[in-house]
C-alpha atoms as a PDB file:
ATOM      1  CA  UNK A   1      16.635 156.513  26.631  1.00  0.00           C
ATOM      2  CA  UNK A   2      17.408 160.145  25.850  1.00  0.00           C
ATOM      3  CA  UNK A   3      18.518 161.252  29.392  1.00  0.00           C
ATOM      4  CA  UNK A   4      20.925 157.788  29.168  1.00  0.00           C
ATOM      5  CA  UNK A   5      22.469 158.699  25.960  1.00  0.00           C
ATOM      6  CA  UNK A   6      22.916 162.814  27.105  1.00  0.00           C
ATOM      7  CA  UNK A   7      24.447 161.176  30.266  1.00  0.00           C
ATOM      8  CA  UNK A   8      26.927 159.108  27.800  1.00  0.00           C
ATOM      9  CA  UNK A   9      27.554 161.865  25.518  1.00  0.00           C
ATOM     10  CA  UNK A  10      28.490 164.397  28.813  1.00  0.00           C
ATOM     11  CA  UNK A  11      30.699 161.766  30.448  1.00  0.00           C
ATOM     12  CA  UNK A  12      32.657 161.017  26.877  1.00  0.00           C
ATOM     13  CA  UNK A  13      33.066 164.482  25.948  1.00  0.00           C
ATOM     14  CA  UNK A  14      34.800 164.786  30.045  1.00  0.00           C
ATOM     15  CA  UNK A  15      36.914 161.561  29.465  1.00  0.00           C
ATOM     16  CA  UNK A  16      38.180 163.209  25.981  1.00  0.00           C
ATOM     17  CA  UNK A  17      36.166 161.253  23.590  1.00  0.00           C
ATOM     18  CA  UNK A  18      34.702 164.230  21.238  1.00  0.00           C
ATOM     19  CA  UNK A  19      33.689 161.508  18.116  1.00  0.00           C
ATOM     20  CA  UNK A  20      31.498 159.068  20.448  1.00  0.00           C
ATOM     21  CA  UNK A  21      30.355 162.162  22.767  1.00  0.00           C
ATOM     22  CA  UNK A  22      28.874 163.883  19.501  1.00  0.00           C
ATOM     23  CA  UNK A  23      27.445 160.394  18.203  1.00  0.00           C
ATOM     24  CA  UNK A  24      25.770 159.911  22.004  1.00  0.00           C
ATOM     25  CA  UNK A  25      24.701 163.646  21.648  1.00  0.00           C
ATOM     26  CA  UNK A  26      22.971 162.760  18.584  1.00  0.00           C
ATOM     27  CA  UNK A  27      21.241 160.099  18.990  1.00  0.00           C
ATOM     28  CA  UNK A  28      19.923 161.880  22.367  1.00  0.00           C
ATOM     29  CA  UNK A  29      17.955 164.358  19.851  1.00  0.00           C
ATOM     30  CA  UNK A  30      16.936 161.808  17.373  1.00  0.00           C
ATOM     31  CA  UNK A  31      15.313 159.707  19.878  1.00  0.00           C
ATOM     32  CA  UNK A  32      12.344 162.613  21.522  1.00  0.00           C
ATOM     33  CA  UNK A  33      11.606 163.146  17.997  1.00  0.00           C
ATOM     34  CA  UNK A  34      11.198 160.037  16.210  1.00  0.00           C
ATOM     35  CA  UNK A  35       8.811 159.229  19.351  1.00  0.00           C
ATOM     36  CA  UNK A  36       6.822 162.046  18.659  1.00  0.00           C
ATOM     37  CA  UNK A  37       6.487 160.486  15.213  1.00  0.00           C
ATOM     38  CA  UNK A  38       5.284 157.279  17.421  1.00  0.00           C
ATOM     39  CA  UNK A  39       2.797 159.282  19.409  1.00  0.00           C
ATOM     40  CA  UNK A  40       1.140 160.989  16.359  1.00  0.00           C
ATOM     41  CA  UNK A  41       0.688 157.469  14.569  1.00  0.00           C
ATOM     42  CA  UNK A  42       2.971 157.972  12.034  1.00  0.00           C
ATOM     43  CA  UNK A  43       6.347 156.471  10.794  1.00  0.00           C
ATOM     44  CA  UNK A  44       9.419 158.619  10.888  1.00  0.00           C
ATOM     45  CA  UNK A  45      11.549 158.794   7.864  1.00  0.00           C
ATOM     46  CA  UNK A  46      14.511 156.466   8.116  1.00  0.00           C
ATOM     47  CA  UNK A  47      17.032 158.952   8.439  1.00  0.00           C
ATOM     48  CA  UNK A  48      19.607 160.209  11.246  1.00  0.00           C
ATOM     49  CA  UNK A  49      19.242 163.932  10.066  1.00  0.00           C
ATOM     50  CA  UNK A  50      17.835 165.809  12.851  1.00  0.00           C
ATOM     51  CA  UNK A  51      16.878 168.706  10.086  1.00  0.00           C
ATOM     52  CA  UNK A  52      14.979 166.064   8.250  1.00  0.00           C
ATOM     53  CA  UNK A  53      13.223 164.271  11.488  1.00  0.00           C
ATOM     54  CA  UNK A  54      12.022 168.015  11.957  1.00  0.00           C
ATOM     55  CA  UNK A  55      10.396 168.740   8.152  1.00  0.00           C
ATOM     56  CA  UNK A  56       8.808 165.508   8.270  1.00  0.00           C
ATOM     57  CA  UNK A  57       7.426 166.085  11.414  1.00  0.00           C
ATOM     58  CA  UNK A  58       6.359 170.056  11.126  1.00  0.00           C
ATOM     59  CA  UNK A  59       4.074 168.216   8.033  1.00  0.00           C
ATOM     60  CA  UNK A  60       2.770 165.805  10.124  1.00  0.00           C
ATOM     61  CA  UNK A  61       2.322 167.774  13.132  1.00  0.00           C
ATOM     62  CA  UNK A  62      -1.313 169.834  12.308  1.00  0.00           C
ATOM     63  CA  UNK A  63      -2.034 172.496  15.438  1.00  0.00           C
ATOM     64  CA  UNK A  64       1.925 172.131  15.836  1.00  0.00           C
ATOM     65  CA  UNK A  65       3.181 172.464  12.384  1.00  0.00           C
ATOM     66  CA  UNK A  66       3.842 176.418  12.720  1.00  0.00           C
ATOM     67  CA  UNK A  67       5.852 175.889  15.883  1.00  0.00           C
ATOM     68  CA  UNK A  68       8.050 173.733  14.600  1.00  0.00           C
ATOM     69  CA  UNK A  69       8.945 175.780  11.306  1.00  0.00           C
ATOM     70  CA  UNK A  70       9.588 178.323  13.523  1.00  0.00           C
ATOM     71  CA  UNK A  71      12.264 176.878  15.674  1.00  0.00           C
ATOM     72  CA  UNK A  72      13.636 174.692  12.293  1.00  0.00           C
ATOM     73  CA  UNK A  73      14.418 178.901  11.073  1.00  0.00           C
ATOM     74  CA  UNK A  74      15.714 179.763  14.152  1.00  0.00           C
ATOM     75  CA  UNK A  75      17.996 176.504  14.876  1.00  0.00           C
ATOM     76  CA  UNK A  76      19.067 177.242  11.156  1.00  0.00           C
ATOM     77  CA  UNK A  77      22.843 177.470  11.959  1.00  0.00           C
ATOM     78  CA  UNK A  78      23.004 174.704  14.832  1.00  0.00           C
ATOM     79  CA  UNK A  79      21.199 171.839  12.782  1.00  0.00           C
ATOM     80  CA  UNK A  80      23.332 172.896  10.014  1.00  0.00           C
ATOM     81  CA  UNK A  81      26.196 171.696  12.147  1.00  0.00           C
ATOM     82  CA  UNK A  82      24.837 168.628  13.223  1.00  0.00           C
ATOM     83  CA  UNK A  83      23.677 167.481   9.436  1.00  0.00           C
ATOM     84  CA  UNK A  84      27.671 167.955   8.642  1.00  0.00           C
ATOM     85  CA  UNK A  85      27.707 165.031  11.129  1.00  0.00           C
ATOM     86  CA  UNK A  86      26.498 161.388  10.642  1.00  0.00           C
ATOM     87  CA  UNK A  87      26.757 159.931  14.213  1.00  0.00           C
ATOM     88  CA  UNK A  88      29.616 156.939  13.750  1.00  0.00           C
ATOM     89  CA  UNK A  89      29.451 157.087  10.210  1.00  0.00           C
ATOM     90  CA  UNK A  90      31.152 160.626   9.861  1.00  0.00           C
ATOM     91  CA  UNK A  91      33.753 161.439   8.400  1.00  0.00           C
ATOM     92  CA  UNK A  92      34.080 164.881  10.329  1.00  0.00           C
ATOM     93  CA  UNK A  93      36.978 164.879  12.365  1.00  0.00           C
ATOM     94  CA  UNK A  94      35.297 165.322  15.937  1.00  0.00           C
ATOM     95  CA  UNK A  95      37.599 167.950  18.107  1.00  0.00           C
ATOM     96  CA  UNK A  96      36.149 169.419  21.842  1.00  0.00           C
ATOM     97  CA  UNK A  97      35.109 172.319  19.827  1.00  0.00           C
ATOM     98  CA  UNK A  98      32.576 170.364  17.580  1.00  0.00           C
ATOM     99  CA  UNK A  99      31.474 168.235  20.158  1.00  0.00           C
ATOM    100  CA  UNK A 100      30.477 171.410  22.347  1.00  0.00           C
ATOM    101  CA  UNK A 101      28.439 172.918  19.896  1.00  0.00           C
END
């Protein structure tokens, strides 16, 4: 399902529909994270924030906790950019540059 959202994001981007592209891209990132929570048998937080989802996952992931925390630190800039965008409820003006990031 995540790959379908990513394909839709790419198609929307190519058509110049940048807000839809960014929203679908965010959803495509959320789904594997939330699926991992379910795989671990843990309820995921009711949030769309990728950073919050990853932080919670790091606490629940046991042996993989350090790896997830390292990823969060390495990708801090990108995660901050994503956290400013709140999907379909966002007040951020989404242009080609923002959507491609």
